[in-house]
Amino acid sequence: MNEIAKPFAIGPVRLERPVILAPMAGVCDLPYRVIARRYGAALVCTEMVSSQGIRYKNKHTEELLYIDEREHPLSMQIFGADPIVMAQAAVAVEQAGADIVDINMGCPVKKIVKNGEGSALMKDLPKAEQVIAAVVKAVSIPVTVKMRTGWDDDSFTAVELAKRAEAAGAAAITVHGRTREQFYSGRADLDKIRQVVEAVSIPVIGNGDIVDGPSAVHMFEATGCAAIMVGRGAQGNPWIFPQIYRYMDTGEILPPPSPMERYEQILEHFEALLAYKGEYIGVREMRAHASWYTKGMYGSAALRERINRADTAQAFRDCIHGMMEEAAAME
């Protein structure tokens, strides 16, 4: 297993480990990216940023361009279907200080695909290639592309899109082993990821169903990918990165974090979110993170109900401290 634990590079960006935090809307905001880096994610990716939002200087979009020094190396993901606008957005991403610009060709959400963006580009490969080529030409940092296997079971276009991406100058490709029609249901098709790996010479990053050390190693062995990207398995679970590394290095399965460790991490994440987004947004956005952090814990449904009733920063803190006292008493 040590062979798959080796360093990995995307163009000139060298990563000490081949394990990356996936770009996830509503999850990978700046506070969580900093946490994931501290726990060992070799590269973190931002939530997807609208190229049109950058073009029209949308306030929320511009906030997404902010980068903390502790995040590097960082990949910033943009989405759109207009080659000119995407090139302009990539320039803004480079100027913001990102180490890599990633092009989203995998988002399955209806409001994205109805505009011909995200995974809809897998149905228009010439347009997809134009977008990639325009972005590559516009910036000096590496360009990567994140895709799915295809639109549906009848259209396995990932191999052809990967070849076009390589020809257009992409430095690496990430393949989520599901179709757009699957969204997040069923199982990731690792054989299709393997076929993409075999079709191109640039690095391919495998994504889908990585939830622990064994599933991470299985992705490497089944696909031959150069690196892996962890998505939903990292929601409220930064411990997944050291768990994967320990298993890759030794075959040992680390125990899950204790309730006290989870509560302490929730509080740290919460304070960072408050500093970044303010009390009103911070309290409300932390509810989802807290539900992920406490998933599977004893009494987690009751815990979530208490968390969701907290509507001020102090009420949220009091709620978590109360849970910590209960956890200490049980221990």
Protein backbone atom coordinates (compact mmCIF):
# COMPACT_ATOMS: atom_id res chain seq x y z
CA MET A 1 0.00 0.00 0.00
CA ASN A 2 2.94 2.36 0.43
CA GLU A 3 3.24 2.57 -3.37
CA ILE A 4 -0.10 4.43 -3.55
CA ALA A 5 0.82 6.76 -0.70
CA LYS A 6 3.50 8.55 -2.71
CA PRO A 7 3.54 12.31 -3.43
CA PHE A 8 1.56 13.54 -6.38
CA ALA A 9 1.77 16.57 -8.67
CA ILE A 10 -0.68 18.61 -10.72
CA GLY A 11 1.58 20.50 -13.09
CA PRO A 12 4.09 22.35 -10.88
CA VAL A 13 1.87 21.99 -7.77
CA ARG A 14 3.39 19.17 -5.71
CA LEU A 15 1.20 17.46 -3.13
CA GLU A 16 2.73 15.45 -0.31
CA ARG A 17 -0.12 12.94 -0.39
CA PRO A 18 -2.55 11.89 -3.15
CA VAL A 19 -5.70 12.70 -1.15
CA ILE A 20 -7.84 15.74 -1.96
CA LEU A 21 -10.93 17.39 -0.45
CA ALA A 22 -13.66 17.60 -3.09
CA PRO A 23 -15.42 20.86 -3.95
CA MET A 24 -18.85 20.70 -2.29
CA ALA A 25 -21.37 23.54 -2.16
CA GLY A 26 -22.44 24.28 1.39
CA VAL A 27 -19.59 22.22 2.83
CA CYS A 28 -16.22 23.44 1.59
CA ASP A 29 -16.35 27.03 2.76
CA LEU A 30 -13.17 28.69 3.96
CA PRO A 31 -13.39 27.62 7.64
CA TYR A 32 -13.81 23.96 6.74
CA ARG A 33 -11.08 24.07 4.11
CA VAL A 34 -8.64 25.35 6.75
CA ILE A 35 -9.69 22.54 9.09
CA ALA A 36 -9.31 19.90 6.36
CA ARG A 37 -5.82 21.14 5.52
CA ARG A 38 -4.84 20.90 9.18
CA TYR A 39 -6.07 17.31 9.33
CA GLY A 40 -4.00 16.42 6.31
CA ALA A 41 -5.94 17.02 3.08
CA ALA A 42 -3.11 17.49 0.58
CA LEU A 43 -5.22 19.85 -1.52
CA VAL A 44 -8.53 21.55 -0.77
CA CYS A 45 -11.05 22.70 -3.38
CA THR A 46 -13.51 25.54 -3.01
CA GLU A 47 -17.24 25.49 -3.48
CA MET A 48 -18.00 26.10 -7.15
CA VAL A 49 -17.93 29.76 -8.16
CA SER A 50 -20.11 31.16 -10.94
CA SER A 51 -18.17 32.58 -13.88
CA GLN A 52 -21.11 34.91 -14.59
CA GLY A 53 -21.10 35.97 -10.94
CA ILE A 54 -17.43 36.93 -11.30
CA ARG A 55 -18.17 38.73 -14.56
CA TYR A 56 -20.93 40.85 -13.03
CA LYS A 57 -19.08 41.33 -9.73
CA ASN A 58 -21.78 39.67 -7.64
CA LYS A 59 -21.05 40.40 -3.97
CA HIS A 60 -21.57 36.81 -2.76
CA THR A 61 -19.47 35.45 -5.62
CA GLU A 62 -16.62 37.84 -4.87
CA GLU A 63 -16.68 36.70 -1.23
CA LEU A 64 -16.10 33.13 -2.45
CA LEU A 65 -12.83 34.27 -4.06
CA TYR A 66 -11.24 35.09 -0.69
CA ILE A 67 -8.37 32.76 0.23
CA ASP A 68 -6.74 32.25 3.62
CA GLU A 69 -2.97 31.63 3.58
CA ARG A 70 -3.48 28.45 5.62
CA GLU A 71 -5.40 26.85 2.74
CA HIS A 72 -2.56 26.49 0.26
CA PRO A 73 -2.30 24.52 -1.90
CA LEU A 74 -5.83 25.39 -2.99
CA SER A 75 -7.88 24.68 -6.10
CA MET A 76 -10.72 27.05 -6.94
CA GLN A 77 -13.57 25.62 -8.99
CA ILE A 78 -15.51 27.68 -11.53
CA PHE A 79 -18.57 26.78 -13.60
CA GLY A 80 -20.03 28.11 -16.80
CA ALA A 81 -20.42 27.30 -20.49
CA ASP A 82 -19.19 30.45 -22.23
CA PRO A 83 -15.49 30.06 -23.13
CA ILE A 84 -14.81 33.82 -23.00
CA VAL A 85 -16.52 34.33 -19.64
CA MET A 86 -14.88 31.22 -18.20
CA ALA A 87 -11.46 32.50 -19.30
CA GLN A 88 -12.15 35.83 -17.58
CA ALA A 89 -13.24 34.00 -14.44
CA ALA A 90 -10.07 31.90 -14.49
CA VAL A 91 -7.96 35.05 -14.61
CA ALA A 92 -9.83 36.35 -11.53
CA VAL A 93 -9.17 33.05 -9.77
CA GLU A 94 -5.46 33.26 -10.55
CA GLN A 95 -5.35 36.88 -9.34
CA ALA A 96 -7.13 35.82 -6.12
CA GLY A 97 -4.15 33.56 -5.39
CA ALA A 98 -5.44 30.08 -6.18
CA ASP A 99 -2.81 27.46 -7.03
CA ILE A 100 -5.08 25.59 -9.46
CA VAL A 101 -8.27 26.44 -11.36
CA ASP A 102 -10.78 23.60 -11.69
CA ILE A 103 -13.58 23.52 -14.27
CA ASN A 104 -16.87 22.01 -13.13
CA MET A 105 -18.30 19.61 -15.71
CA GLY A 106 -19.95 17.33 -13.17
CA CYS A 107 -22.57 19.27 -11.18
CA PRO A 108 -25.92 17.49 -11.66
CA VAL A 109 -28.21 20.18 -10.18
CA LYS A 110 -31.10 21.16 -12.46
CA LYS A 111 -30.62 24.93 -12.24
CA ILE A 112 -27.00 24.46 -13.41
CA VAL A 113 -27.54 21.95 -16.21
CA LYS A 114 -30.53 23.79 -17.66
CA ASN A 115 -28.08 26.55 -18.65
CA GLY A 116 -25.80 24.04 -20.38
CA GLU A 117 -23.33 24.18 -17.48
CA GLY A 118 -21.94 21.54 -15.11
CA SER A 119 -22.57 17.99 -16.28
CA ALA A 120 -24.59 19.25 -19.26
CA LEU A 121 -21.22 19.92 -20.92
CA MET A 122 -20.74 16.15 -21.08
CA LYS A 123 -23.43 16.19 -23.78
CA ASP A 124 -21.62 18.87 -25.81
CA LEU A 125 -17.99 17.77 -26.03
CA PRO A 126 -16.89 20.36 -28.64
CA LYS A 127 -18.18 23.16 -26.36
CA ALA A 128 -16.52 21.51 -23.35
CA GLU A 129 -13.21 21.40 -25.19
CA GLN A 130 -13.55 25.06 -26.18
CA VAL A 131 -14.13 26.02 -22.53
CA ILE A 132 -11.08 24.06 -21.35
CA ALA A 133 -8.84 25.46 -24.09
CA ALA A 134 -9.93 29.04 -23.36
CA VAL A 135 -9.25 28.67 -19.64
CA VAL A 136 -5.85 27.02 -20.21
CA LYS A 137 -4.83 29.83 -22.56
CA ALA A 138 -5.93 32.54 -20.09
CA VAL A 139 -3.90 31.51 -17.02
CA SER A 140 -0.44 30.32 -16.04
CA ILE A 141 -1.61 28.10 -13.15
CA PRO A 142 -2.61 24.46 -13.82
CA VAL A 143 -6.15 23.80 -15.07
CA THR A 144 -8.06 20.68 -14.03
CA VAL A 145 -11.47 19.34 -15.02
CA LYS A 146 -13.99 17.54 -12.79
CA MET A 147 -16.50 15.37 -14.63
CA ARG A 148 -18.85 12.43 -14.22
CA THR A 149 -18.85 9.25 -16.29
CA GLY A 150 -21.55 10.68 -18.58
CA TRP A 151 -25.07 12.06 -18.68
CA ASP A 152 -26.81 8.70 -18.24
CA ASP A 153 -26.17 4.97 -18.61
CA ASP A 154 -26.39 5.22 -22.39
CA SER A 155 -23.75 7.94 -22.73
CA PHE A 156 -20.34 7.03 -21.32
CA THR A 157 -18.57 10.18 -22.58
CA ALA A 158 -15.91 10.51 -19.89
CA VAL A 159 -13.17 8.85 -21.95
CA GLU A 160 -13.73 11.14 -24.94
CA LEU A 161 -14.03 14.23 -22.73
CA ALA A 162 -10.83 13.26 -20.90
CA LYS A 163 -8.97 12.95 -24.22
CA ARG A 164 -10.26 16.34 -25.31
CA ALA A 165 -9.30 17.87 -21.95
CA GLU A 166 -5.78 16.51 -22.29
CA ALA A 167 -5.52 17.84 -25.86
CA ALA A 168 -6.74 21.24 -24.67
CA GLY A 169 -4.00 21.45 -22.04
CA ALA A 170 -5.62 20.28 -18.81
CA ALA A 171 -3.08 19.20 -16.18
CA ALA A 172 -5.31 16.60 -14.48
CA ILE A 173 -8.85 15.20 -14.49
CA THR A 174 -11.16 14.13 -11.70
CA VAL A 175 -13.82 11.52 -12.50
CA HIS A 176 -16.79 10.97 -10.20
CA GLY A 177 -17.87 7.45 -11.04
CA ARG A 178 -21.57 8.25 -11.45
CA THR A 179 -23.69 9.61 -14.27
CA ARG A 180 -25.60 12.87 -14.03
CA GLU A 181 -28.87 10.92 -13.88
CA GLN A 182 -27.64 9.03 -10.82
CA PHE A 183 -26.92 12.21 -8.86
CA TYR A 184 -25.54 10.51 -5.71
CA SER A 185 -27.53 7.27 -5.78
CA GLY A 186 -26.27 3.77 -6.48
CA ARG A 187 -22.58 2.94 -6.49
CA ALA A 188 -19.70 4.68 -8.24
CA ASP A 189 -18.57 2.74 -11.32
CA LEU A 190 -14.85 2.24 -10.71
CA ASP A 191 -14.37 0.34 -13.97
CA LYS A 192 -15.35 3.44 -15.93
CA ILE A 193 -12.82 5.49 -13.96
CA ARG A 194 -10.21 2.85 -14.83
CA GLN A 195 -11.04 3.22 -18.51
CA VAL A 196 -10.42 6.96 -18.28
CA VAL A 197 -7.09 6.32 -16.52
CA GLU A 198 -6.04 4.04 -19.37
CA ALA A 199 -7.12 6.53 -22.06
CA VAL A 200 -4.98 9.54 -21.08
CA SER A 201 -1.44 10.26 -19.91
CA ILE A 202 -2.28 13.12 -17.53
CA PRO A 203 -3.13 12.22 -13.90
CA VAL A 204 -6.67 11.01 -13.19
CA ILE A 205 -8.18 11.54 -9.73
CA GLY A 206 -10.82 9.01 -8.63
CA ASN A 207 -13.93 10.22 -6.81
CA GLY A 208 -16.97 8.44 -5.40
CA ASP A 209 -17.88 6.36 -2.32
CA ILE A 210 -14.62 7.02 -0.43
CA VAL A 211 -15.63 6.91 3.23
CA ASP A 212 -12.62 5.38 5.01
CA GLY A 213 -9.20 3.82 4.55
CA PRO A 214 -10.32 0.55 2.92
CA SER A 215 -12.57 2.31 0.38
CA ALA A 216 -9.75 4.73 -0.43
CA VAL A 217 -7.30 1.91 -1.12
CA HIS A 218 -9.96 0.09 -3.15
CA MET A 219 -10.34 3.15 -5.39
CA PHE A 220 -6.59 3.17 -6.07
CA GLU A 221 -6.38 -0.57 -6.71
CA ALA A 222 -9.52 -0.87 -8.84
CA THR A 223 -8.84 2.13 -11.07
CA GLY A 224 -5.08 2.76 -11.11
CA CYS A 225 -5.83 6.43 -10.44
CA ALA A 226 -3.00 8.76 -9.40
CA ALA A 227 -4.93 10.33 -6.53
CA ILE A 228 -8.32 10.24 -4.83
CA MET A 229 -10.85 12.94 -4.00
CA VAL A 230 -12.97 12.64 -0.86
CA GLY A 231 -16.46 14.17 -1.05
CA ARG A 232 -19.40 13.35 1.21
CA GLY A 233 -17.21 11.13 3.37
CA ALA A 234 -15.51 14.31 4.62
CA GLN A 235 -18.72 16.09 5.66
CA GLY A 236 -18.30 16.80 9.37
CA ASN A 237 -15.45 14.32 9.29
CA PRO A 238 -11.95 15.82 8.87
CA TRP A 239 -10.66 12.73 10.70
CA ILE A 240 -11.09 10.80 7.45
CA PHE A 241 -7.76 12.14 6.17
CA PRO A 242 -5.53 10.73 8.94
CA GLN A 243 -7.65 7.56 8.87
CA ILE A 244 -6.95 7.09 5.16
CA TYR A 245 -3.24 7.78 5.57
CA ARG A 246 -2.86 5.34 8.45
CA TYR A 247 -4.60 2.61 6.49
CA MET A 248 -2.58 3.33 3.35
CA ASP A 249 0.67 3.23 5.31
CA THR A 250 0.08 0.36 7.73
CA GLY A 251 -3.28 -1.31 7.07
CA GLU A 252 -4.39 -0.17 10.51
CA ILE A 253 -7.92 1.18 11.00
CA LEU A 254 -7.93 4.13 13.38
CA PRO A 255 -10.85 4.36 15.81
CA PRO A 256 -13.49 7.03 15.19
CA PRO A 257 -13.22 10.28 17.15
CA SER A 258 -14.78 10.35 20.60
CA PRO A 259 -17.92 12.43 21.27
CA MET A 260 -15.74 14.95 23.13
CA GLU A 261 -13.38 15.29 20.15
CA ARG A 262 -16.35 15.89 17.88
CA TYR A 263 -17.84 18.56 20.14
CA GLU A 264 -14.50 20.35 20.47
CA GLN A 265 -14.15 20.37 16.68
CA ILE A 266 -17.69 21.65 16.26
CA LEU A 267 -16.91 24.59 18.53
CA GLU A 268 -13.67 25.41 16.73
CA HIS A 269 -15.45 25.26 13.36
CA PHE A 270 -18.31 27.40 14.70
CA GLU A 271 -16.04 30.16 15.99
CA ALA A 272 -14.23 30.26 12.64
CA LEU A 273 -17.57 30.44 10.81
CA LEU A 274 -18.70 33.32 13.04
CA ALA A 275 -15.51 35.24 12.33
CA TYR A 276 -15.90 34.66 8.60
CA LYS A 277 -19.66 35.08 8.05
CA GLY A 278 -21.06 36.79 11.14
CA GLU A 279 -23.55 35.55 13.73
CA TYR A 280 -26.78 35.32 11.72
CA ILE A 281 -25.35 33.28 8.83
CA GLY A 282 -22.81 31.46 10.98
CA VAL A 283 -25.40 30.03 13.38
CA ARG A 284 -27.66 28.86 10.58
CA GLU A 285 -24.96 27.35 8.38
CA MET A 286 -23.38 25.57 11.34
CA ARG A 287 -26.56 23.56 11.88
CA ALA A 288 -25.84 21.43 8.81
CA HIS A 289 -22.18 20.99 9.75
CA ALA A 290 -23.14 20.03 13.31
CA SER A 291 -25.58 17.40 12.04
CA TRP A 292 -22.76 15.87 9.96
CA TYR A 293 -20.32 15.98 12.87
CA THR A 294 -22.78 14.17 15.16
CA LYS A 295 -24.10 11.64 12.63
CA GLY A 296 -24.20 8.16 14.08
CA MET A 297 -23.70 9.31 17.65
CA TYR A 298 -25.95 8.12 20.45
CA GLY A 299 -29.06 10.31 20.55
CA SER A 300 -28.01 12.20 17.42
CA ALA A 301 -31.60 13.02 16.38
CA ALA A 302 -32.26 14.70 19.74
CA LEU A 303 -28.91 16.48 19.50
CA ARG A 304 -29.80 17.91 16.09
CA GLU A 305 -33.15 19.11 17.38
CA ARG A 306 -31.43 21.02 20.18
CA ILE A 307 -28.87 22.48 17.80
CA ASN A 308 -31.57 23.61 15.36
CA ARG A 309 -33.37 25.51 18.11
CA ALA A 310 -30.27 27.58 18.91
CA ASP A 311 -30.69 30.92 17.14
CA THR A 312 -27.84 32.95 18.63
CA ALA A 313 -24.12 32.29 18.92
CA GLN A 314 -24.30 32.00 22.69
CA ALA A 315 -27.29 29.66 22.55
CA PHE A 316 -25.37 27.43 20.15
CA ARG A 317 -22.29 27.45 22.38
CA ASP A 318 -24.43 26.64 25.44
CA CYS A 319 -26.03 23.76 23.57
CA ILE A 320 -22.67 22.21 22.63
CA HIS A 321 -21.21 22.77 26.11
CA GLY A 322 -24.26 21.02 27.57
CA MET A 323 -23.66 18.06 25.30
CA MET A 324 -20.00 18.01 26.31
CA GLU A 325 -20.99 17.83 29.97
CA GLU A 326 -23.33 14.91 29.21
CA ALA A 327 -20.59 13.15 27.25
CA ALA A 328 -18.09 13.65 30.10
CA ALA A 329 -20.59 12.20 32.59
CA MET A 330 -21.18 9.15 30.38
CA GLU A 331 -17.43 8.56 30.01
